[in-house]
Amino acid sequence: MVLRQFRLEALLEQDFRLDAIKHAQAEMPREAVGLVVDGAYWPCKNIADAPQQHFVLDPHDYAKAMFAGTIEAIVHSHPKGTSPSECDRKACRQSKLLWYVYSVPDNLWSTIYP
């Protein structure tokens, strides 16, 4: 009998990613944006003028998330694919938060560290 051990953190990470994927698929062809709050995915509105090309997280959603718990990361999708852009990397550094970018057509995740 083979026993496999799973880290709780890995299971929680998987859970938020599944919810973020559902959100990204529902928002197609727009970029989806959300937050990881206390290990759970918190969907937010993308209020960008051109949401198919970039995102602007609704500040009201961010404020609600802040009061609900600890914001651990920013999550957004790339509906046309591609890896994180230089703009993503710069914004990640400015936010001082971990960023997860989901490439929808490739079903791939990228992580950006501040």
PDB file of N, CA and C in Angstrom:
ATOM      1  N   MET A   1       0.842  -1.183   0.000  1.00  0.00           N
ATOM      2  CA  MET A   1       0.000   0.000   0.000  1.00  0.00           C
ATOM      3  C   MET A   1       0.886   1.244   0.000  1.00  0.00           C
ATOM      4  N   VAL A   2       0.603   2.155  -0.905  1.00  0.00           N
ATOM      5  CA  VAL A   2       1.375   3.394  -1.011  1.00  0.00           C
ATOM      6  C   VAL A   2       0.543   4.534  -0.441  1.00  0.00           C
ATOM      7  N   LEU A   3       1.139   5.226   0.491  1.00  0.00           N
ATOM      8  CA  LEU A   3       0.479   6.400   1.066  1.00  0.00           C
ATOM      9  C   LEU A   3       1.097   7.643   0.450  1.00  0.00           C
ATOM     10  N   ARG A   4       0.265   8.551   0.044  1.00  0.00           N
ATOM     11  CA  ARG A   4       0.749   9.821  -0.500  1.00  0.00           C
ATOM     12  C   ARG A   4       0.418  10.928   0.475  1.00  0.00           C
ATOM     13  N   GLN A   5       1.362  11.799   0.654  1.00  0.00           N
ATOM     14  CA  GLN A   5       1.141  12.937   1.533  1.00  0.00           C
ATOM     15  C   GLN A   5       0.905  14.173   0.684  1.00  0.00           C
ATOM     16  N   PHE A   6      -0.039  14.971   1.094  1.00  0.00           N
ATOM     17  CA  PHE A   6      -0.344  16.223   0.408  1.00  0.00           C
ATOM     18  C   PHE A   6      -0.228  17.351   1.410  1.00  0.00           C
ATOM     19  N   ARG A   7       0.409  18.416   0.984  1.00  0.00           N
ATOM     20  CA  ARG A   7       0.481  19.594   1.837  1.00  0.00           C
ATOM     21  C   ARG A   7      -0.851  20.323   1.770  1.00  0.00           C
ATOM     22  N   LEU A   8      -1.346  20.765   2.898  1.00  0.00           N
ATOM     23  CA  LEU A   8      -2.593  21.525   2.949  1.00  0.00           C
ATOM     24  C   LEU A   8      -2.494  22.773   2.082  1.00  0.00           C
ATOM     25  N   GLU A   9      -1.320  23.424   2.083  1.00  0.00           N
ATOM     26  CA  GLU A   9      -1.141  24.631   1.278  1.00  0.00           C
ATOM     27  C   GLU A   9      -1.370  24.335  -0.203  1.00  0.00           C
ATOM     28  N   ALA A  10      -0.896  23.187  -0.668  1.00  0.00           N
ATOM     29  CA  ALA A  10      -1.072  22.827  -2.072  1.00  0.00           C
ATOM     30  C   ALA A  10      -2.545  22.624  -2.398  1.00  0.00           C
ATOM     31  N   LEU A  11      -3.300  22.032  -1.489  1.00  0.00           N
ATOM     32  CA  LEU A  11      -4.729  21.837  -1.717  1.00  0.00           C
ATOM     33  C   LEU A  11      -5.473  23.169  -1.733  1.00  0.00           C
ATOM     34  N   LEU A  12      -5.111  24.066  -0.830  1.00  0.00           N
ATOM     35  CA  LEU A  12      -5.750  25.381  -0.813  1.00  0.00           C
ATOM     36  C   LEU A  12      -5.430  26.144  -2.086  1.00  0.00           C
ATOM     37  N   GLU A  13      -4.169  26.054  -2.528  1.00  0.00           N
ATOM     38  CA  GLU A  13      -3.770  26.734  -3.756  1.00  0.00           C
ATOM     39  C   GLU A  13      -4.579  26.194  -4.931  1.00  0.00           C
ATOM     40  N   GLN A  14      -4.746  24.891  -4.969  1.00  0.00           N
ATOM     41  CA  GLN A  14      -5.521  24.265  -6.042  1.00  0.00           C
ATOM     42  C   GLN A  14      -6.955  24.791  -6.005  1.00  0.00           C
ATOM     43  N   ASP A  15      -7.542  24.886  -4.825  1.00  0.00           N
ATOM     44  CA  ASP A  15      -8.916  25.344  -4.707  1.00  0.00           C
ATOM     45  C   ASP A  15      -9.088  26.757  -5.260  1.00  0.00           C
ATOM     46  N   PHE A  16      -8.197  27.693  -4.905  1.00  0.00           N
ATOM     47  CA  PHE A  16      -8.372  29.059  -5.402  1.00  0.00           C
ATOM     48  C   PHE A  16      -8.162  29.082  -6.909  1.00  0.00           C
ATOM     49  N   ARG A  17      -7.265  28.255  -7.414  1.00  0.00           N
ATOM     50  CA  ARG A  17      -7.015  28.230  -8.862  1.00  0.00           C
ATOM     51  C   ARG A  17      -8.225  27.721  -9.632  1.00  0.00           C
ATOM     52  N   LEU A  18      -8.903  26.727  -9.113  1.00  0.00           N
ATOM     53  CA  LEU A  18     -10.096  26.210  -9.788  1.00  0.00           C
ATOM     54  C   LEU A  18     -11.167  27.295  -9.886  1.00  0.00           C
ATOM     55  N   ASP A  19     -11.364  28.036  -8.809  1.00  0.00           N
ATOM     56  CA  ASP A  19     -12.355  29.123  -8.818  1.00  0.00           C
ATOM     57  C   ASP A  19     -11.920  30.245  -9.766  1.00  0.00           C
ATOM     58  N   ALA A  20     -10.626  30.533  -9.812  1.00  0.00           N
ATOM     59  CA  ALA A  20     -10.122  31.574 -10.712  1.00  0.00           C
ATOM     60  C   ALA A  20     -10.285  31.154 -12.176  1.00  0.00           C
ATOM     61  N   ILE A  21     -10.080  29.886 -12.469  1.00  0.00           N
ATOM     62  CA  ILE A  21     -10.271  29.388 -13.839  1.00  0.00           C
ATOM     63  C   ILE A  21     -11.730  29.536 -14.255  1.00  0.00           C
ATOM     64  N   LYS A  22     -12.637  29.188 -13.376  1.00  0.00           N
ATOM     65  CA  LYS A  22     -14.072  29.344 -13.682  1.00  0.00           C
ATOM     66  C   LYS A  22     -14.400  30.810 -13.965  1.00  0.00           C
ATOM     67  N   HIS A  23     -13.849  31.697 -13.174  1.00  0.00           N
ATOM     68  CA  HIS A  23     -14.081  33.129 -13.358  1.00  0.00           C
ATOM     69  C   HIS A  23     -13.506  33.586 -14.699  1.00  0.00           C
ATOM     70  N   ALA A  24     -12.286  33.143 -15.023  1.00  0.00           N
ATOM     71  CA  ALA A  24     -11.650  33.525 -16.289  1.00  0.00           C
ATOM     72  C   ALA A  24     -12.473  33.047 -17.478  1.00  0.00           C
ATOM     73  N   GLN A  25     -12.990  31.845 -17.392  1.00  0.00           N
ATOM     74  CA  GLN A  25     -13.803  31.316 -18.487  1.00  0.00           C
ATOM     75  C   GLN A  25     -15.113  32.090 -18.629  1.00  0.00           C
ATOM     76  N   ALA A  26     -15.703  32.474 -17.512  1.00  0.00           N
ATOM     77  CA  ALA A  26     -16.959  33.227 -17.543  1.00  0.00           C
ATOM     78  C   ALA A  26     -16.761  34.643 -18.100  1.00  0.00           C
ATOM     79  N   GLU A  27     -15.586  35.209 -17.898  1.00  0.00           N
ATOM     80  CA  GLU A  27     -15.307  36.586 -18.331  1.00  0.00           C
ATOM     81  C   GLU A  27     -14.822  36.685 -19.776  1.00  0.00           C
ATOM     82  N   MET A  28     -14.529  35.568 -20.412  1.00  0.00           N
ATOM     83  CA  MET A  28     -14.014  35.594 -21.797  1.00  0.00           C
ATOM     84  C   MET A  28     -14.899  36.456 -22.685  1.00  0.00           C
ATOM     85  N   PRO A  29     -14.394  37.297 -23.538  1.00  0.00           N
ATOM     86  CA  PRO A  29     -12.992  37.467 -23.908  1.00  0.00           C
ATOM     87  C   PRO A  29     -12.257  38.529 -23.090  1.00  0.00           C
ATOM     88  N   ARG A  30     -12.872  38.982 -22.000  1.00  0.00           N
ATOM     89  CA  ARG A  30     -12.246  39.998 -21.139  1.00  0.00           C
ATOM     90  C   ARG A  30     -11.249  39.339 -20.183  1.00  0.00           C
ATOM     91  N   GLU A  31     -10.284  40.113 -19.726  1.00  0.00           N
ATOM     92  CA  GLU A  31      -9.390  39.639 -18.669  1.00  0.00           C
ATOM     93  C   GLU A  31     -10.186  39.592 -17.364  1.00  0.00           C
ATOM     94  N   ALA A  32     -10.077  38.483 -16.681  1.00  0.00           N
ATOM     95  CA  ALA A  32     -10.685  38.359 -15.351  1.00  0.00           C
ATOM     96  C   ALA A  32      -9.655  38.818 -14.324  1.00  0.00           C
ATOM     97  N   VAL A  33     -10.141  39.341 -13.221  1.00  0.00           N
ATOM     98  CA  VAL A  33      -9.249  39.752 -12.140  1.00  0.00           C
ATOM     99  C   VAL A  33      -9.898  39.391 -10.809  1.00  0.00           C
ATOM    100  N   GLY A  34      -9.051  38.995  -9.879  1.00  0.00           N
ATOM    101  CA  GLY A  34      -9.526  38.667  -8.546  1.00  0.00           C
ATOM    102  C   GLY A  34      -8.366  38.713  -7.572  1.00  0.00           C
ATOM    103  N   LEU A  35      -8.666  38.353  -6.361  1.00  0.00           N
ATOM    104  CA  LEU A  35      -7.677  38.364  -5.287  1.00  0.00           C
ATOM    105  C   LEU A  35      -7.687  37.017  -4.581  1.00  0.00           C
ATOM    106  N   VAL A  36      -6.586  36.695  -3.932  1.00  0.00           N
ATOM    107  CA  VAL A  36      -6.574  35.570  -3.002  1.00  0.00           C
ATOM    108  C   VAL A  36      -6.666  36.201  -1.620  1.00  0.00           C
ATOM    109  N   VAL A  37      -7.760  35.887  -0.930  1.00  0.00           N
ATOM    110  CA  VAL A  37      -8.017  36.434   0.398  1.00  0.00           C
ATOM    111  C   VAL A  37      -8.124  35.259   1.369  1.00  0.00           C
ATOM    112  N   ASP A  38      -7.188  35.195   2.312  1.00  0.00           N
ATOM    113  CA  ASP A  38      -7.142  34.096   3.275  1.00  0.00           C
ATOM    114  C   ASP A  38      -7.221  32.735   2.587  1.00  0.00           C
ATOM    115  N   GLY A  39      -6.502  32.591   1.474  1.00  0.00           N
ATOM    116  CA  GLY A  39      -6.419  31.317   0.769  1.00  0.00           C
ATOM    117  C   GLY A  39      -7.545  31.019  -0.200  1.00  0.00           C
ATOM    118  N   ALA A  40      -8.546  31.893  -0.267  1.00  0.00           N
ATOM    119  CA  ALA A  40      -9.697  31.667  -1.142  1.00  0.00           C
ATOM    120  C   ALA A  40      -9.720  32.708  -2.258  1.00  0.00           C
ATOM    121  N   TYR A  41     -10.280  32.323  -3.392  1.00  0.00           N
ATOM    122  CA  TYR A  41     -10.383  33.253  -4.524  1.00  0.00           C
ATOM    123  C   TYR A  41     -11.535  34.222  -4.301  1.00  0.00           C
ATOM    124  N   TRP A  42     -11.266  35.494  -4.545  1.00  0.00           N
ATOM    125  CA  TRP A  42     -12.235  36.575  -4.382  1.00  0.00           C
ATOM    126  C   TRP A  42     -12.382  37.257  -5.747  1.00  0.00           C
ATOM    127  N   PRO A  43     -13.420  36.920  -6.529  1.00  0.00           N
ATOM    128  CA  PRO A  43     -13.569  37.535  -7.851  1.00  0.00           C
ATOM    129  C   PRO A  43     -13.853  39.030  -7.739  1.00  0.00           C
ATOM    130  N   CYS A  44     -13.268  39.784  -8.664  1.00  0.00           N
ATOM    131  CA  CYS A  44     -13.460  41.230  -8.694  1.00  0.00           C
ATOM    132  C   CYS A  44     -13.886  41.654 -10.100  1.00  0.00           C
ATOM    133  N   LYS A  45     -14.361  42.891 -10.188  1.00  0.00           N
ATOM    134  CA  LYS A  45     -14.739  43.445 -11.485  1.00  0.00           C
ATOM    135  C   LYS A  45     -13.526  44.077 -12.156  1.00  0.00           C
ATOM    136  N   ASN A  46     -13.451  43.883 -13.459  1.00  0.00           N
ATOM    137  CA  ASN A  46     -12.435  44.546 -14.273  1.00  0.00           C
ATOM    138  C   ASN A  46     -13.091  45.789 -14.853  1.00  0.00           C
ATOM    139  N   ILE A  47     -12.650  46.966 -14.396  1.00  0.00           N
ATOM    140  CA  ILE A  47     -13.283  48.213 -14.839  1.00  0.00           C
ATOM    141  C   ILE A  47     -12.437  48.949 -15.889  1.00  0.00           C
ATOM    142  N   ALA A  48     -11.516  48.234 -16.532  1.00  0.00           N
ATOM    143  CA  ALA A  48     -10.669  48.844 -17.565  1.00  0.00           C
ATOM    144  C   ALA A  48     -11.514  49.307 -18.743  1.00  0.00           C
ATOM    145  N   ASP A  49     -11.064  50.355 -19.407  1.00  0.00           N
ATOM    146  CA  ASP A  49     -11.730  50.835 -20.622  1.00  0.00           C
ATOM    147  C   ASP A  49     -11.645  49.808 -21.750  1.00  0.00           C
ATOM    148  N   ALA A  50     -10.570  49.030 -21.766  1.00  0.00           N
ATOM    149  CA  ALA A  50     -10.373  47.989 -22.788  1.00  0.00           C
ATOM    150  C   ALA A  50     -10.107  46.661 -22.073  1.00  0.00           C
ATOM    151  N   PRO A  51     -11.136  46.053 -21.476  1.00  0.00           N
ATOM    152  CA  PRO A  51     -10.932  44.862 -20.639  1.00  0.00           C
ATOM    153  C   PRO A  51     -10.448  43.622 -21.394  1.00  0.00           C
ATOM    154  N   GLN A  52     -10.500  43.645 -22.722  1.00  0.00           N
ATOM    155  CA  GLN A  52      -9.968  42.526 -23.498  1.00  0.00           C
ATOM    156  C   GLN A  52      -8.435  42.582 -23.551  1.00  0.00           C
ATOM    157  N   GLN A  53      -7.867  43.747 -23.202  1.00  0.00           N
ATOM    158  CA  GLN A  53      -6.426  43.944 -23.331  1.00  0.00           C
ATOM    159  C   GLN A  53      -5.689  44.083 -22.002  1.00  0.00           C
ATOM    160  N   HIS A  54      -6.375  44.545 -20.979  1.00  0.00           N
ATOM    161  CA  HIS A  54      -5.745  44.683 -19.668  1.00  0.00           C
ATOM    162  C   HIS A  54      -6.827  44.754 -18.592  1.00  0.00           C
ATOM    163  N   PHE A  55      -6.394  44.854 -17.339  1.00  0.00           N
ATOM    164  CA  PHE A  55      -7.382  44.942 -16.268  1.00  0.00           C
ATOM    165  C   PHE A  55      -7.104  46.124 -15.356  1.00  0.00           C
ATOM    166  N   VAL A  56      -8.186  46.613 -14.779  1.00  0.00           N
ATOM    167  CA  VAL A  56      -8.132  47.569 -13.675  1.00  0.00           C
ATOM    168  C   VAL A  56      -9.085  47.006 -12.632  1.00  0.00           C
ATOM    169  N   LEU A  57      -8.535  46.661 -11.491  1.00  0.00           N
ATOM    170  CA  LEU A  57      -9.332  46.070 -10.425  1.00  0.00           C
ATOM    171  C   LEU A  57     -10.210  47.143  -9.787  1.00  0.00           C
ATOM    172  N   ASP A  58     -11.493  46.841  -9.667  1.00  0.00           N
ATOM    173  CA  ASP A  58     -12.437  47.789  -9.071  1.00  0.00           C
ATOM    174  C   ASP A  58     -12.010  48.087  -7.625  1.00  0.00           C
ATOM    175  N   PRO A  59     -11.747  49.361  -7.292  1.00  0.00           N
ATOM    176  CA  PRO A  59     -11.294  49.691  -5.937  1.00  0.00           C
ATOM    177  C   PRO A  59     -12.317  49.344  -4.858  1.00  0.00           C
ATOM    178  N   HIS A  60     -13.598  49.336  -5.194  1.00  0.00           N
ATOM    179  CA  HIS A  60     -14.605  48.938  -4.215  1.00  0.00           C
ATOM    180  C   HIS A  60     -14.460  47.457  -3.865  1.00  0.00           C
ATOM    181  N   ASP A  61     -14.180  46.629  -4.870  1.00  0.00           N
ATOM    182  CA  ASP A  61     -13.954  45.203  -4.620  1.00  0.00           C
ATOM    183  C   ASP A  61     -12.714  44.991  -3.760  1.00  0.00           C
ATOM    184  N   TYR A  62     -11.666  45.770  -4.034  1.00  0.00           N
ATOM    185  CA  TYR A  62     -10.434  45.661  -3.244  1.00  0.00           C
ATOM    186  C   TYR A  62     -10.703  46.036  -1.784  1.00  0.00           C
ATOM    187  N   ALA A  63     -11.455  47.105  -1.579  1.00  0.00           N
ATOM    188  CA  ALA A  63     -11.765  47.546  -0.211  1.00  0.00           C
ATOM    189  C   ALA A  63     -12.587  46.499   0.532  1.00  0.00           C
ATOM    190  N   LYS A  64     -13.560  45.900  -0.144  1.00  0.00           N
ATOM    191  CA  LYS A  64     -14.364  44.843   0.491  1.00  0.00           C
ATOM    192  C   LYS A  64     -13.487  43.664   0.879  1.00  0.00           C
ATOM    193  N   ALA A  65     -12.559  43.294   0.009  1.00  0.00           N
ATOM    194  CA  ALA A  65     -11.653  42.180   0.289  1.00  0.00           C
ATOM    195  C   ALA A  65     -10.754  42.497   1.482  1.00  0.00           C
ATOM    196  N   MET A  66     -10.281  43.740   1.563  1.00  0.00           N
ATOM    197  CA  MET A  66      -9.421  44.144   2.687  1.00  0.00           C
ATOM    198  C   MET A  66     -10.124  43.968   4.021  1.00  0.00           C
ATOM    199  N   PHE A  67     -11.416  44.301   4.049  1.00  0.00           N
ATOM    200  CA  PHE A  67     -12.167  44.184   5.294  1.00  0.00           C
ATOM    201  C   PHE A  67     -12.567  42.743   5.592  1.00  0.00           C
ATOM    202  N   ALA A  68     -12.555  41.885   4.573  1.00  0.00           N
ATOM    203  CA  ALA A  68     -12.954  40.488   4.751  1.00  0.00           C
ATOM    204  C   ALA A  68     -11.813  39.618   5.270  1.00  0.00           C
ATOM    205  N   GLY A  69     -10.569  40.032   5.018  1.00  0.00           N
ATOM    206  CA  GLY A  69      -9.442  39.205   5.453  1.00  0.00           C
ATOM    207  C   GLY A  69      -8.128  39.760   4.936  1.00  0.00           C
ATOM    208  N   THR A  70      -7.133  38.891   4.868  1.00  0.00           N
ATOM    209  CA  THR A  70      -5.805  39.277   4.413  1.00  0.00           C
ATOM    210  C   THR A  70      -5.667  39.015   2.915  1.00  0.00           C
ATOM    211  N   ILE A  71      -5.352  40.058   2.169  1.00  0.00           N
ATOM    212  CA  ILE A  71      -5.125  39.912   0.732  1.00  0.00           C
ATOM    213  C   ILE A  71      -3.718  39.355   0.541  1.00  0.00           C
ATOM    214  N   GLU A  72      -3.648  38.184  -0.076  1.00  0.00           N
ATOM    215  CA  GLU A  72      -2.375  37.487  -0.237  1.00  0.00           C
ATOM    216  C   GLU A  72      -1.810  37.586  -1.655  1.00  0.00           C
ATOM    217  N   ALA A  73      -2.677  37.761  -2.642  1.00  0.00           N
ATOM    218  CA  ALA A  73      -2.202  37.782  -4.024  1.00  0.00           C
ATOM    219  C   ALA A  73      -3.238  38.416  -4.941  1.00  0.00           C
ATOM    220  N   ILE A  74      -2.767  38.827  -6.103  1.00  0.00           N
ATOM    221  CA  ILE A  74      -3.626  39.309  -7.189  1.00  0.00           C
ATOM    222  C   ILE A  74      -3.601  38.239  -8.278  1.00  0.00           C
ATOM    223  N   VAL A  75      -4.773  37.968  -8.849  1.00  0.00           N
ATOM    224  CA  VAL A  75      -4.913  36.957  -9.890  1.00  0.00           C
ATOM    225  C   VAL A  75      -5.560  37.614 -11.104  1.00  0.00           C
ATOM    226  N   HIS A  76      -5.027  37.353 -12.288  1.00  0.00           N
ATOM    227  CA  HIS A  76      -5.738  37.806 -13.487  1.00  0.00           C
ATOM    228  C   HIS A  76      -5.457  36.854 -14.640  1.00  0.00           C
ATOM    229  N   SER A  77      -6.319  36.939 -15.638  1.00  0.00           N
ATOM    230  CA  SER A  77      -6.206  36.024 -16.776  1.00  0.00           C
ATOM    231  C   SER A  77      -5.697  36.741 -18.013  1.00  0.00           C
ATOM    232  N   HIS A  78      -5.107  35.953 -18.897  1.00  0.00           N
ATOM    233  CA  HIS A  78      -4.743  36.396 -20.235  1.00  0.00           C
ATOM    234  C   HIS A  78      -5.585  35.569 -21.200  1.00  0.00           C
ATOM    235  N   PRO A  79      -6.721  36.116 -21.655  1.00  0.00           N
ATOM    236  CA  PRO A  79      -7.641  35.347 -22.490  1.00  0.00           C
ATOM    237  C   PRO A  79      -7.060  34.903 -23.829  1.00  0.00           C
ATOM    238  N   LYS A  80      -6.081  35.632 -24.344  1.00  0.00           N
ATOM    239  CA  LYS A  80      -5.461  35.260 -25.623  1.00  0.00           C
ATOM    240  C   LYS A  80      -4.171  34.470 -25.423  1.00  0.00           C
ATOM    241  N   GLY A  81      -3.864  34.150 -24.182  1.00  0.00           N
ATOM    242  CA  GLY A  81      -2.614  33.453 -23.900  1.00  0.00           C
ATOM    243  C   GLY A  81      -1.511  34.428 -23.568  1.00  0.00           C
ATOM    244  N   THR A  82      -0.296  34.006 -23.662  1.00  0.00           N
ATOM    245  CA  THR A  82       0.929  34.747 -23.378  1.00  0.00           C
ATOM    246  C   THR A  82       1.316  34.670 -21.902  1.00  0.00           C
ATOM    247  N   SER A  83       2.586  34.822 -21.692  1.00  0.00           N
ATOM    248  CA  SER A  83       3.124  34.849 -20.337  1.00  0.00           C
ATOM    249  C   SER A  83       2.960  36.256 -19.767  1.00  0.00           C
ATOM    250  N   PRO A  84       3.286  36.448 -18.500  1.00  0.00           N
ATOM    251  CA  PRO A  84       3.145  37.787 -17.910  1.00  0.00           C
ATOM    252  C   PRO A  84       3.947  38.838 -18.680  1.00  0.00           C
ATOM    253  N   SER A  85       3.348  39.992 -18.823  1.00  0.00           N
ATOM    254  CA  SER A  85       3.989  41.096 -19.548  1.00  0.00           C
ATOM    255  C   SER A  85       4.922  41.873 -18.619  1.00  0.00           C
ATOM    256  N   GLU A  86       5.714  42.730 -19.210  1.00  0.00           N
ATOM    257  CA  GLU A  86       6.570  43.600 -18.406  1.00  0.00           C
ATOM    258  C   GLU A  86       5.708  44.527 -17.550  1.00  0.00           C
ATOM    259  N   CYS A  87       4.564  44.926 -18.073  1.00  0.00           N
ATOM    260  CA  CYS A  87       3.620  45.750 -17.304  1.00  0.00           C
ATOM    261  C   CYS A  87       3.126  44.972 -16.075  1.00  0.00           C
ATOM    262  N   ASP A  88       2.830  43.682 -16.252  1.00  0.00           N
ATOM    263  CA  ASP A  88       2.425  42.835 -15.118  1.00  0.00           C
ATOM    264  C   ASP A  88       3.530  42.803 -14.062  1.00  0.00           C
ATOM    265  N   ARG A  89       4.756  42.606 -14.510  1.00  0.00           N
ATOM    266  CA  ARG A  89       5.887  42.509 -13.579  1.00  0.00           C
ATOM    267  C   ARG A  89       6.096  43.815 -12.804  1.00  0.00           C
ATOM    268  N   LYS A  90       5.981  44.931 -13.507  1.00  0.00           N
ATOM    269  CA  LYS A  90       6.147  46.242 -12.862  1.00  0.00           C
ATOM    270  C   LYS A  90       5.029  46.479 -11.842  1.00  0.00           C
ATOM    271  N   ALA A  91       3.796  46.178 -12.231  1.00  0.00           N
ATOM    272  CA  ALA A  91       2.659  46.382 -11.322  1.00  0.00           C
ATOM    273  C   ALA A  91       2.771  45.459 -10.105  1.00  0.00           C
ATOM    274  N   CYS A  92       3.277  44.248 -10.312  1.00  0.00           N
ATOM    275  CA  CYS A  92       3.482  43.327  -9.193  1.00  0.00           C
ATOM    276  C   CYS A  92       4.466  43.919  -8.187  1.00  0.00           C
ATOM    277  N   ARG A  93       5.580  44.432  -8.693  1.00  0.00           N
ATOM    278  CA  ARG A  93       6.568  45.057  -7.793  1.00  0.00           C
ATOM    279  C   ARG A  93       5.949  46.220  -7.021  1.00  0.00           C
ATOM    280  N   GLN A  94       5.137  47.021  -7.719  1.00  0.00           N
ATOM    281  CA  GLN A  94       4.515  48.172  -7.060  1.00  0.00           C
ATOM    282  C   GLN A  94       3.495  47.743  -6.009  1.00  0.00           C
ATOM    283  N   SER A  95       2.774  46.659  -6.286  1.00  0.00           N
ATOM    284  CA  SER A  95       1.739  46.204  -5.344  1.00  0.00           C
ATOM    285  C   SER A  95       2.331  45.518  -4.118  1.00  0.00           C
ATOM    286  N   LYS A  96       3.557  44.983  -4.274  1.00  0.00           N
ATOM    287  CA  LYS A  96       4.218  44.245  -3.197  1.00  0.00           C
ATOM    288  C   LYS A  96       3.445  42.987  -2.809  1.00  0.00           C
ATOM    289  N   LEU A  97       2.638  42.480  -3.765  1.00  0.00           N
ATOM    290  CA  LEU A  97       1.878  41.248  -3.557  1.00  0.00           C
ATOM    291  C   LEU A  97       2.294  40.219  -4.601  1.00  0.00           C
ATOM    292  N   LEU A  98       2.134  38.977  -4.267  1.00  0.00           N
ATOM    293  CA  LEU A  98       2.324  37.897  -5.213  1.00  0.00           C
ATOM    294  C   LEU A  98       1.267  38.012  -6.303  1.00  0.00           C
ATOM    295  N   TRP A  99       1.619  37.726  -7.548  1.00  0.00           N
ATOM    296  CA  TRP A  99       0.662  37.753  -8.661  1.00  0.00           C
ATOM    297  C   TRP A  99       0.626  36.394  -9.320  1.00  0.00           C
ATOM    298  N   TYR A 100      -0.582  35.933  -9.653  1.00  0.00           N
ATOM    299  CA  TYR A 100      -0.789  34.722 -10.435  1.00  0.00           C
ATOM    300  C   TYR A 100      -1.454  35.141 -11.743  1.00  0.00           C
ATOM    301  N   VAL A 101      -0.897  34.687 -12.864  1.00  0.00           N
ATOM    302  CA  VAL A 101      -1.450  35.011 -14.184  1.00  0.00           C
ATOM    303  C   VAL A 101      -1.829  33.693 -14.853  1.00  0.00           C
ATOM    304  N   TYR A 102      -3.089  33.603 -15.272  1.00  0.00           N
ATOM    305  CA  TYR A 102      -3.595  32.392 -15.908  1.00  0.00           C
ATOM    306  C   TYR A 102      -3.754  32.614 -17.402  1.00  0.00           C
ATOM    307  N   SER A 103      -3.039  31.832 -18.210  1.00  0.00           N
ATOM    308  CA  SER A 103      -3.155  31.876 -19.665  1.00  0.00           C
ATOM    309  C   SER A 103      -4.279  30.917 -20.050  1.00  0.00           C
ATOM    310  N   VAL A 104      -5.425  31.474 -20.437  1.00  0.00           N
ATOM    311  CA  VAL A 104      -6.634  30.666 -20.678  1.00  0.00           C
ATOM    312  C   VAL A 104      -6.438  29.613 -21.769  1.00  0.00           C
ATOM    313  N   PRO A 105      -6.008  29.979 -23.003  1.00  0.00           N
ATOM    314  CA  PRO A 105      -5.930  28.957 -24.053  1.00  0.00           C
ATOM    315  C   PRO A 105      -4.888  27.871 -23.773  1.00  0.00           C
ATOM    316  N   ASP A 106      -3.843  28.219 -23.005  1.00  0.00           N
ATOM    317  CA  ASP A 106      -2.782  27.261 -22.701  1.00  0.00           C
ATOM    318  C   ASP A 106      -3.035  26.475 -21.420  1.00  0.00           C
ATOM    319  N   ASN A 107      -4.011  26.931 -20.622  1.00  0.00           N
ATOM    320  CA  ASN A 107      -4.300  26.337 -19.317  1.00  0.00           C
ATOM    321  C   ASN A 107      -3.028  26.275 -18.455  1.00  0.00           C
ATOM    322  N   LEU A 108      -2.283  27.394 -18.464  1.00  0.00           N
ATOM    323  CA  LEU A 108      -1.024  27.472 -17.722  1.00  0.00           C
ATOM    324  C   LEU A 108      -1.041  28.644 -16.745  1.00  0.00           C
ATOM    325  N   TRP A 109      -0.398  28.424 -15.618  1.00  0.00           N
ATOM    326  CA  TRP A 109      -0.263  29.455 -14.596  1.00  0.00           C
ATOM    327  C   TRP A 109       1.166  29.975 -14.553  1.00  0.00           C
ATOM    328  N   SER A 110       1.302  31.257 -14.336  1.00  0.00           N
ATOM    329  CA  SER A 110       2.600  31.884 -14.067  1.00  0.00           C
ATOM    330  C   SER A 110       2.494  32.596 -12.737  1.00  0.00           C
ATOM    331  N   THR A 111       3.591  32.616 -12.014  1.00  0.00           N
ATOM    332  CA  THR A 111       3.652  33.318 -10.730  1.00  0.00           C
ATOM    333  C   THR A 111       4.696  34.418 -10.841  1.00  0.00           C
ATOM    334  N   ILE A 112       4.321  35.609 -10.395  1.00  0.00           N
ATOM    335  CA  ILE A 112       5.251  36.736 -10.368  1.00  0.00           C
ATOM    336  C   ILE A 112       5.462  37.124  -8.910  1.00  0.00           C
ATOM    337  N   TYR A 113       6.722  37.267  -8.555  1.00  0.00           N
ATOM    338  CA  TYR A 113       7.073  37.652  -7.175  1.00  0.00           C
ATOM    339  C   TYR A 113       7.462  39.129  -7.149  1.00  0.00           C
ATOM    340  N   PRO A 114       6.995  39.852  -6.118  1.00  0.00           N
ATOM    341  CA  PRO A 114       7.307  41.283  -6.050  1.00  0.00           C
ATOM    342  C   PRO A 114       8.798  41.550  -5.788  1.00  0.00           C
TER     343      PRO A 114
END
